[in-house]
PDB file of N, CA and C in Angstrom:
ATOM      1  N   MET A   1      14.669  -1.288  16.536  1.00  0.00           N
ATOM      2  CA  MET A   1      14.235   0.039  16.939  1.00  0.00           C
ATOM      3  C   MET A   1      14.707   1.052  15.895  1.00  0.00           C
ATOM      4  N   LYS A   2      13.818   1.954  15.541  1.00  0.00           N
ATOM      5  CA  LYS A   2      14.190   2.990  14.574  1.00  0.00           C
ATOM      6  C   LYS A   2      15.150   3.988  15.213  1.00  0.00           C
ATOM      7  N   ARG A   3      15.869   4.700  14.389  1.00  0.00           N
ATOM      8  CA  ARG A   3      16.773   5.744  14.877  1.00  0.00           C
ATOM      9  C   ARG A   3      15.925   6.898  15.373  1.00  0.00           C
ATOM     10  N   LEU A   4      16.095   7.239  16.630  1.00  0.00           N
ATOM     11  CA  LEU A   4      15.319   8.330  17.219  1.00  0.00           C
ATOM     12  C   LEU A   4      15.959   9.678  16.894  1.00  0.00           C
ATOM     13  N   SER A   5      15.172  10.724  17.040  1.00  0.00           N
ATOM     14  CA  SER A   5      15.609  12.075  16.687  1.00  0.00           C
ATOM     15  C   SER A   5      15.437  13.023  17.865  1.00  0.00           C
ATOM     16  N   LYS A   6      16.053  14.179  17.740  1.00  0.00           N
ATOM     17  CA  LYS A   6      15.866  15.254  18.710  1.00  0.00           C
ATOM     18  C   LYS A   6      14.376  15.557  18.795  1.00  0.00           C
ATOM     19  N   GLY A   7      13.849  15.666  20.026  1.00  0.00           N
ATOM     20  CA  GLY A   7      12.435  15.934  20.221  1.00  0.00           C
ATOM     21  C   GLY A   7      11.610  14.688  20.485  1.00  0.00           C
ATOM     22  N   ASP A   8      12.166  13.495  20.268  1.00  0.00           N
ATOM     23  CA  ASP A   8      11.463  12.250  20.561  1.00  0.00           C
ATOM     24  C   ASP A   8      11.553  11.939  22.053  1.00  0.00           C
ATOM     25  N   LEU A   9      10.620  11.117  22.529  1.00  0.00           N
ATOM     26  CA  LEU A   9      10.655  10.631  23.900  1.00  0.00           C
ATOM     27  C   LEU A   9      11.274   9.241  23.933  1.00  0.00           C
ATOM     28  N   VAL A  10      12.032   8.969  24.993  1.00  0.00           N
ATOM     29  CA  VAL A  10      12.555   7.627  25.224  1.00  0.00           C
ATOM     30  C   VAL A  10      12.125   7.165  26.604  1.00  0.00           C
ATOM     31  N   TYR A  11      11.864   5.866  26.715  1.00  0.00           N
ATOM     32  CA  TYR A  11      11.560   5.251  27.998  1.00  0.00           C
ATOM     33  C   TYR A  11      12.877   4.795  28.602  1.00  0.00           C
ATOM     34  N   VAL A  12      13.107   5.161  29.860  1.00  0.00           N
ATOM     35  CA  VAL A  12      14.327   4.780  30.570  1.00  0.00           C
ATOM     36  C   VAL A  12      13.902   4.011  31.817  1.00  0.00           C
ATOM     37  N   PRO A  13      14.292   2.731  31.931  1.00  0.00           N
ATOM     38  CA  PRO A  13      13.876   1.937  33.086  1.00  0.00           C
ATOM     39  C   PRO A  13      14.582   2.351  34.370  1.00  0.00           C
ATOM     40  N   SER A  14      14.004   1.956  35.508  1.00  0.00           N
ATOM     41  CA  SER A  14      14.651   2.224  36.790  1.00  0.00           C
ATOM     42  C   SER A  14      15.987   1.491  36.823  1.00  0.00           C
ATOM     43  N   GLY A  15      16.935   2.061  37.540  1.00  0.00           N
ATOM     44  CA  GLY A  15      18.267   1.479  37.627  1.00  0.00           C
ATOM     45  C   GLY A  15      19.219   1.958  36.548  1.00  0.00           C
ATOM     46  N   ALA A  16      18.687   2.646  35.528  1.00  0.00           N
ATOM     47  CA  ALA A  16      19.554   3.186  34.474  1.00  0.00           C
ATOM     48  C   ALA A  16      20.365   4.352  35.031  1.00  0.00           C
ATOM     49  N   THR A  17      21.527   4.573  34.455  1.00  0.00           N
ATOM     50  CA  THR A  17      22.432   5.616  34.934  1.00  0.00           C
ATOM     51  C   THR A  17      22.458   6.799  33.973  1.00  0.00           C
ATOM     52  N   LEU A  18      22.209   7.995  34.501  1.00  0.00           N
ATOM     53  CA  LEU A  18      22.379   9.239  33.766  1.00  0.00           C
ATOM     54  C   LEU A  18      23.708   9.841  34.194  1.00  0.00           C
ATOM     55  N   PHE A  19      24.361  10.562  33.276  1.00  0.00           N
ATOM     56  CA  PHE A  19      25.649  11.168  33.608  1.00  0.00           C
ATOM     57  C   PHE A  19      25.855  12.453  32.827  1.00  0.00           C
ATOM     58  N   THR A  20      26.777  13.286  33.300  1.00  0.00           N
ATOM     59  CA  THR A  20      27.185  14.492  32.578  1.00  0.00           C
ATOM     60  C   THR A  20      28.698  14.445  32.401  1.00  0.00           C
ATOM     61  N   ASN A  21      29.172  15.103  31.364  1.00  0.00           N
ATOM     62  CA  ASN A  21      30.600  15.149  31.059  1.00  0.00           C
ATOM     63  C   ASN A  21      31.126  16.574  31.097  1.00  0.00           C
ATOM     64  N   ASP A  22      32.421  16.722  31.421  1.00  0.00           N
ATOM     65  CA  ASP A  22      33.117  17.993  31.250  1.00  0.00           C
ATOM     66  C   ASP A  22      33.410  18.183  29.769  1.00  0.00           C
ATOM     67  N   LYS A  23      33.945  19.329  29.418  1.00  0.00           N
ATOM     68  CA  LYS A  23      34.286  19.613  28.019  1.00  0.00           C
ATOM     69  C   LYS A  23      35.308  18.634  27.455  1.00  0.00           C
ATOM     70  N   ASP A  24      36.180  18.094  28.330  1.00  0.00           N
ATOM     71  CA  ASP A  24      37.192  17.137  27.864  1.00  0.00           C
ATOM     72  C   ASP A  24      36.670  15.704  27.821  1.00  0.00           C
ATOM     73  N   GLY A  25      35.389  15.482  28.169  1.00  0.00           N
ATOM     74  CA  GLY A  25      34.793  14.155  28.097  1.00  0.00           C
ATOM     75  C   GLY A  25      34.846  13.357  29.384  1.00  0.00           C
ATOM     76  N   THR A  26      35.412  13.934  30.439  1.00  0.00           N
ATOM     77  CA  THR A  26      35.472  13.259  31.727  1.00  0.00           C
ATOM     78  C   THR A  26      34.109  13.316  32.410  1.00  0.00           C
ATOM     79  N   VAL A  27      33.665  12.196  32.958  1.00  0.00           N
ATOM     80  CA  VAL A  27      32.372  12.156  33.647  1.00  0.00           C
ATOM     81  C   VAL A  27      32.427  13.055  34.877  1.00  0.00           C
ATOM     82  N   ARG A  28      31.442  13.941  34.982  1.00  0.00           N
ATOM     83  CA  ARG A  28      31.397  14.915  36.070  1.00  0.00           C
ATOM     84  C   ARG A  28      30.386  14.519  37.143  1.00  0.00           C
ATOM     85  N   LYS A  29      29.172  14.126  36.724  1.00  0.00           N
ATOM     86  CA  LYS A  29      28.123  13.730  37.667  1.00  0.00           C
ATOM     87  C   LYS A  29      27.478  12.433  37.184  1.00  0.00           C
ATOM     88  N   ILE A  30      27.061  11.597  38.138  1.00  0.00           N
ATOM     89  CA  ILE A  30      26.369  10.346  37.829  1.00  0.00           C
ATOM     90  C   ILE A  30      25.127  10.269  38.713  1.00  0.00           C
ATOM     91  N   MET A  31      24.032   9.745  38.149  1.00  0.00           N
ATOM     92  CA  MET A  31      22.814   9.556  38.921  1.00  0.00           C
ATOM     93  C   MET A  31      22.124   8.287  38.440  1.00  0.00           C
ATOM     94  N   LYS A  32      21.715   7.439  39.351  1.00  0.00           N
ATOM     95  CA  LYS A  32      20.972   6.223  39.039  1.00  0.00           C
ATOM     96  C   LYS A  32      19.496   6.481  39.295  1.00  0.00           C
ATOM     97  N   LEU A  33      18.655   6.167  38.321  1.00  0.00           N
ATOM     98  CA  LEU A  33      17.218   6.411  38.447  1.00  0.00           C
ATOM     99  C   LEU A  33      16.573   5.389  39.383  1.00  0.00           C
ATOM    100  N   SER A  34      15.729   5.867  40.283  1.00  0.00           N
ATOM    101  CA  SER A  34      15.050   4.974  41.222  1.00  0.00           C
ATOM    102  C   SER A  34      13.703   4.487  40.684  1.00  0.00           C
ATOM    103  N   GLN A  35      13.208   5.157  39.632  1.00  0.00           N
ATOM    104  CA  GLN A  35      11.963   4.740  39.004  1.00  0.00           C
ATOM    105  C   GLN A  35      12.025   5.007  37.510  1.00  0.00           C
ATOM    106  N   PRO A  36      11.237   4.281  36.715  1.00  0.00           N
ATOM    107  CA  PRO A  36      11.264   4.485  35.266  1.00  0.00           C
ATOM    108  C   PRO A  36      10.684   5.848  34.882  1.00  0.00           C
ATOM    109  N   VAL A  37      11.196   6.414  33.781  1.00  0.00           N
ATOM    110  CA  VAL A  37      10.721   7.716  33.303  1.00  0.00           C
ATOM    111  C   VAL A  37      10.743   7.765  31.786  1.00  0.00           C
ATOM    112  N   ASN A  38       9.935   8.656  31.224  1.00  0.00           N
ATOM    113  CA  ASN A  38      10.031   9.019  29.815  1.00  0.00           C
ATOM    114  C   ASN A  38      10.786  10.336  29.756  1.00  0.00           C
ATOM    115  N   LEU A  39      11.809  10.405  28.906  1.00  0.00           N
ATOM    116  CA  LEU A  39      12.632  11.610  28.822  1.00  0.00           C
ATOM    117  C   LEU A  39      12.676  12.124  27.389  1.00  0.00           C
ATOM    118  N   LEU A  40      12.810  13.437  27.253  1.00  0.00           N
ATOM    119  CA  LEU A  40      12.892  14.111  25.964  1.00  0.00           C
ATOM    120  C   LEU A  40      14.334  14.140  25.477  1.00  0.00           C
ATOM    121  N   ILE A  41      14.559  13.696  24.248  1.00  0.00           N
ATOM    122  CA  ILE A  41      15.896  13.765  23.645  1.00  0.00           C
ATOM    123  C   ILE A  41      16.143  15.201  23.192  1.00  0.00           C
ATOM    124  N   THR A  42      17.227  15.814  23.681  1.00  0.00           N
ATOM    125  CA  THR A  42      17.557  17.187  23.303  1.00  0.00           C
ATOM    126  C   THR A  42      18.732  17.251  22.335  1.00  0.00           C
ATOM    127  N   GLN A  43      19.496  16.176  22.261  1.00  0.00           N
ATOM    128  CA  GLN A  43      20.654  16.143  21.360  1.00  0.00           C
ATOM    129  C   GLN A  43      21.037  14.689  21.116  1.00  0.00           C
ATOM    130  N   LEU A  44      21.549  14.401  19.918  1.00  0.00           N
ATOM    131  CA  LEU A  44      22.038  13.070  19.586  1.00  0.00           C
ATOM    132  C   LEU A  44      23.556  13.073  19.568  1.00  0.00           C
ATOM    133  N   GLU A  45      24.141  12.066  20.165  1.00  0.00           N
ATOM    134  CA  GLU A  45      25.582  11.866  20.092  1.00  0.00           C
ATOM    135  C   GLU A  45      25.809  10.498  19.461  1.00  0.00           C
ATOM    136  N   GLU A  46      27.055  10.131  19.272  1.00  0.00           N
ATOM    137  CA  GLU A  46      27.352   8.872  18.589  1.00  0.00           C
ATOM    138  C   GLU A  46      26.733   7.666  19.298  1.00  0.00           C
ATOM    139  N   THR A  47      26.936   7.539  20.599  1.00  0.00           N
ATOM    140  CA  THR A  47      26.413   6.384  21.340  1.00  0.00           C
ATOM    141  C   THR A  47      25.491   6.783  22.490  1.00  0.00           C
ATOM    142  N   ASN A  48      25.300   8.069  22.692  1.00  0.00           N
ATOM    143  CA  ASN A  48      24.476   8.570  23.797  1.00  0.00           C
ATOM    144  C   ASN A  48      23.377   9.487  23.285  1.00  0.00           C
ATOM    145  N   TYR A  49      22.332   9.632  24.107  1.00  0.00           N
ATOM    146  CA  TYR A  49      21.345  10.678  23.916  1.00  0.00           C
ATOM    147  C   TYR A  49      21.547  11.706  25.021  1.00  0.00           C
ATOM    148  N   GLU A  50      21.431  12.981  24.681  1.00  0.00           N
ATOM    149  CA  GLU A  50      21.324  14.009  25.696  1.00  0.00           C
ATOM    150  C   GLU A  50      19.832  14.148  25.967  1.00  0.00           C
ATOM    151  N   VAL A  51      19.446  14.041  27.239  1.00  0.00           N
ATOM    152  CA  VAL A  51      18.033  14.081  27.616  1.00  0.00           C
ATOM    153  C   VAL A  51      17.808  15.131  28.694  1.00  0.00           C
ATOM    154  N   LEU A  52      16.563  15.544  28.819  1.00  0.00           N
ATOM    155  CA  LEU A  52      16.186  16.515  29.841  1.00  0.00           C
ATOM    156  C   LEU A  52      15.538  15.770  31.001  1.00  0.00           C
ATOM    157  N   TYR A  53      16.125  15.918  32.194  1.00  0.00           N
ATOM    158  CA  TYR A  53      15.587  15.282  33.396  1.00  0.00           C
ATOM    159  C   TYR A  53      15.600  16.285  34.541  1.00  0.00           C
ATOM    160  N   GLU A  54      14.425  16.583  35.078  1.00  0.00           N
ATOM    161  CA  GLU A  54      14.260  17.539  36.172  1.00  0.00           C
ATOM    162  C   GLU A  54      14.975  18.865  35.902  1.00  0.00           C
ATOM    163  N   GLY A  55      14.806  19.381  34.692  1.00  0.00           N
ATOM    164  CA  GLY A  55      15.337  20.690  34.323  1.00  0.00           C
ATOM    165  C   GLY A  55      16.817  20.728  33.983  1.00  0.00           C
ATOM    166  N   GLU A  56      17.490  19.578  33.997  1.00  0.00           N
ATOM    167  CA  GLU A  56      18.919  19.521  33.668  1.00  0.00           C
ATOM    168  C   GLU A  56      19.141  18.611  32.476  1.00  0.00           C
ATOM    169  N   LYS A  57      20.191  18.887  31.732  1.00  0.00           N
ATOM    170  CA  LYS A  57      20.571  18.040  30.607  1.00  0.00           C
ATOM    171  C   LYS A  57      21.539  16.972  31.092  1.00  0.00           C
ATOM    172  N   TRP A  58      21.228  15.715  30.756  1.00  0.00           N
ATOM    173  CA  TRP A  58      22.024  14.556  31.136  1.00  0.00           C
ATOM    174  C   TRP A  58      22.298  13.722  29.894  1.00  0.00           C
ATOM    175  N   LEU A  59      23.228  12.807  29.996  1.00  0.00           N
ATOM    176  CA  LEU A  59      23.505  11.845  28.937  1.00  0.00           C
ATOM    177  C   LEU A  59      23.087  10.462  29.406  1.00  0.00           C
ATOM    178  N   ILE A  60      22.644   9.643  28.451  1.00  0.00           N
ATOM    179  CA  ILE A  60      22.355   8.242  28.712  1.00  0.00           C
ATOM    180  C   ILE A  60      22.750   7.451  27.477  1.00  0.00           C
ATOM    181  N   GLU A  61      23.271   6.262  27.691  1.00  0.00           N
ATOM    182  CA  GLU A  61      23.642   5.409  26.570  1.00  0.00           C
ATOM    183  C   GLU A  61      22.388   5.045  25.788  1.00  0.00           C
ATOM    184  N   GLN A  62      22.465   5.141  24.462  1.00  0.00           N
ATOM    185  CA  GLN A  62      21.312   4.850  23.621  1.00  0.00           C
ATOM    186  C   GLN A  62      20.802   3.435  23.842  1.00  0.00           C
ATOM    187  N   ARG A  63      21.715   2.495  24.058  1.00  0.00           N
ATOM    188  CA  ARG A  63      21.315   1.090  24.202  1.00  0.00           C
ATOM    189  C   ARG A  63      20.553   0.815  25.507  1.00  0.00           C
ATOM    190  N   LYS A  64      20.521   1.781  26.418  1.00  0.00           N
ATOM    191  CA  LYS A  64      19.817   1.616  27.696  1.00  0.00           C
ATOM    192  C   LYS A  64      18.404   2.226  27.643  1.00  0.00           C
ATOM    193  N   THR A  65      17.980   2.679  26.462  1.00  0.00           N
ATOM    194  CA  THR A  65      16.674   3.331  26.320  1.00  0.00           C
ATOM    195  C   THR A  65      15.792   2.550  25.364  1.00  0.00           C
ATOM    196  N   TYR A  66      14.499   2.855  25.412  1.00  0.00           N
ATOM    197  CA  TYR A  66      13.524   2.204  24.562  1.00  0.00           C
ATOM    198  C   TYR A  66      12.639   3.266  23.923  1.00  0.00           C
ATOM    199  N   GLU A  67      12.239   3.011  22.696  1.00  0.00           N
ATOM    200  CA  GLU A  67      11.347   3.917  21.975  1.00  0.00           C
ATOM    201  C   GLU A  67       9.978   3.956  22.666  1.00  0.00           C
ATOM    202  N   VAL A  68       9.406   5.143  22.794  1.00  0.00           N
ATOM    203  CA  VAL A  68       8.059   5.293  23.337  1.00  0.00           C
ATOM    204  C   VAL A  68       7.089   5.140  22.182  1.00  0.00           C
ATOM    205  N   LEU A  69       6.277   4.104  22.250  1.00  0.00           N
ATOM    206  CA  LEU A  69       5.282   3.850  21.191  1.00  0.00           C
ATOM    207  C   LEU A  69       3.979   4.536  21.548  1.00  0.00           C
ATOM    208  N   GLU A  70       3.367   5.154  20.561  1.00  0.00           N
ATOM    209  CA  GLU A  70       2.126   5.889  20.805  1.00  0.00           C
ATOM    210  C   GLU A  70       0.934   5.011  20.596  1.00  0.00           C
TER     211      GLU A  70
END
């Protein structure tokens, strides 16, 4: 898989976990997806993507996502 960039879409399967962190890196909120979705990457981190889901910014591990092929 190629390295994705800000503004790209990723496919996230059902059962994947989205999470948010506090400023100190502690996990604040967790949510498990009940259905697969395509999400917009808003920021790149070392091992996570920041994505937009239902109007909120969440984190997901890069290895849990798939490139959306056109």
